[in-house]
Amino acid sequence: MIKLRLKRCGKKQRAIYRIVAIDVRSRREGRDLRRVGFYDQKNNQTYSNVPAILYFLEKGAQPTGTVHDILRKAELFQERIYD
């Protein structure tokens, strides 16, 4: 199973996180399948490669809770409102 999750990078006390598609059995710093974005919590910046994320979601990848919240704030998930 593939998950979209965060991978820690950067210096001490100045971490940034890459959003990666990775196998569930791999560790956090393990080899990723593809980098699909990054998140900098200090500057509140997010970059996401939308076609790559949508590709992995269509193939059945599951985002972790934190990645799901980041992508929702970036308005990647559109909620449908029914009248």
Protein backbone atom coordinates (compact mmCIF):
# COMPACT_ATOMS: atom_id res chain seq x y z
CA MET A 1 0.00 0.00 0.00
CA ILE A 2 1.18 3.50 -0.82
CA LYS A 3 0.72 6.51 1.45
CA LEU A 4 1.23 10.21 0.97
CA ARG A 5 3.13 11.34 4.03
CA LEU A 6 5.69 13.82 5.33
CA LYS A 7 9.44 13.28 5.18
CA ARG A 8 11.54 15.50 7.43
CA CYS A 9 14.40 17.54 5.92
CA GLY A 10 16.36 20.64 6.85
CA LYS A 11 18.49 21.69 9.79
CA LYS A 12 18.02 21.33 13.51
CA GLN A 13 15.30 23.63 14.80
CA ARG A 14 14.52 24.57 11.16
CA ALA A 15 12.74 21.57 9.73
CA ILE A 16 10.87 21.52 6.46
CA TYR A 17 8.87 18.56 5.26
CA ARG A 18 8.58 16.97 1.86
CA ILE A 19 5.28 15.43 0.88
CA VAL A 20 6.18 12.07 -0.65
CA ALA A 21 4.51 8.98 -1.99
CA ILE A 22 6.07 6.09 -0.11
CA ASP A 23 5.42 2.44 0.67
CA VAL A 24 3.79 1.86 4.06
CA ARG A 25 6.52 -0.50 5.20
CA SER A 26 9.28 2.11 4.73
CA ARG A 27 10.52 4.27 7.54
CA ARG A 28 10.08 8.05 7.60
CA GLU A 29 13.45 8.78 6.02
CA GLY A 30 13.24 5.76 3.72
CA ARG A 31 13.34 5.70 -0.04
CA ASP A 32 10.32 7.42 -1.53
CA LEU A 33 8.59 6.60 -4.81
CA ARG A 34 8.13 10.24 -5.79
CA ARG A 35 8.28 13.69 -4.23
CA VAL A 36 4.97 15.45 -4.74
CA GLY A 37 5.41 18.65 -2.74
CA PHE A 38 6.78 20.29 0.38
CA TYR A 39 5.51 22.01 3.52
CA ASP A 40 7.33 24.65 5.56
CA GLN A 41 5.49 25.12 8.82
CA LYS A 42 7.55 28.10 9.98
CA ASN A 43 6.72 30.26 6.97
CA ASN A 44 3.39 28.48 6.39
CA GLN A 45 4.30 27.74 2.76
CA THR A 46 3.04 24.78 0.78
CA TYR A 47 3.91 23.61 -2.70
CA SER A 48 2.14 20.65 -4.22
CA ASN A 49 2.44 18.97 -7.60
CA VAL A 50 -1.29 18.55 -8.15
CA PRO A 51 -1.16 16.16 -11.16
CA ALA A 52 1.21 13.83 -9.30
CA ILE A 53 -0.92 13.89 -6.15
CA LEU A 54 -4.09 13.18 -8.09
CA TYR A 55 -2.32 10.34 -9.94
CA PHE A 56 -1.39 8.61 -6.68
CA LEU A 57 -4.83 9.21 -5.15
CA GLU A 58 -6.47 7.63 -8.22
CA LYS A 59 -4.19 4.61 -7.85
CA GLY A 60 -5.39 4.12 -4.26
CA ALA A 61 -2.79 5.95 -2.19
CA GLN A 62 -4.00 7.08 1.23
CA PRO A 63 -2.85 10.43 2.68
CA THR A 64 -1.98 10.54 6.35
CA GLY A 65 -4.03 12.81 8.58
CA THR A 66 -1.53 15.65 8.50
CA VAL A 67 -1.05 15.50 4.73
CA HIS A 68 -4.82 15.38 4.27
CA ASP A 69 -5.19 18.56 6.33
CA ILE A 70 -2.41 20.29 4.36
CA LEU A 71 -3.98 19.36 1.04
CA ARG A 72 -7.42 20.43 2.25
CA LYS A 73 -6.05 23.86 3.23
CA ALA A 74 -4.51 24.08 -0.24
CA GLU A 75 -8.05 23.42 -1.55
CA LEU A 76 -7.08 20.25 -3.37
CA PHE A 77 -10.11 18.42 -2.02
CA GLN A 78 -13.34 20.04 -3.09
CA GLU A 79 -16.30 19.26 -0.89
CA ARG A 80 -19.55 18.84 -2.74
CA ILE A 81 -22.57 20.59 -1.34
CA TYR A 82 -25.92 19.10 -2.24
CA ASP A 83 -29.07 21.23 -2.11
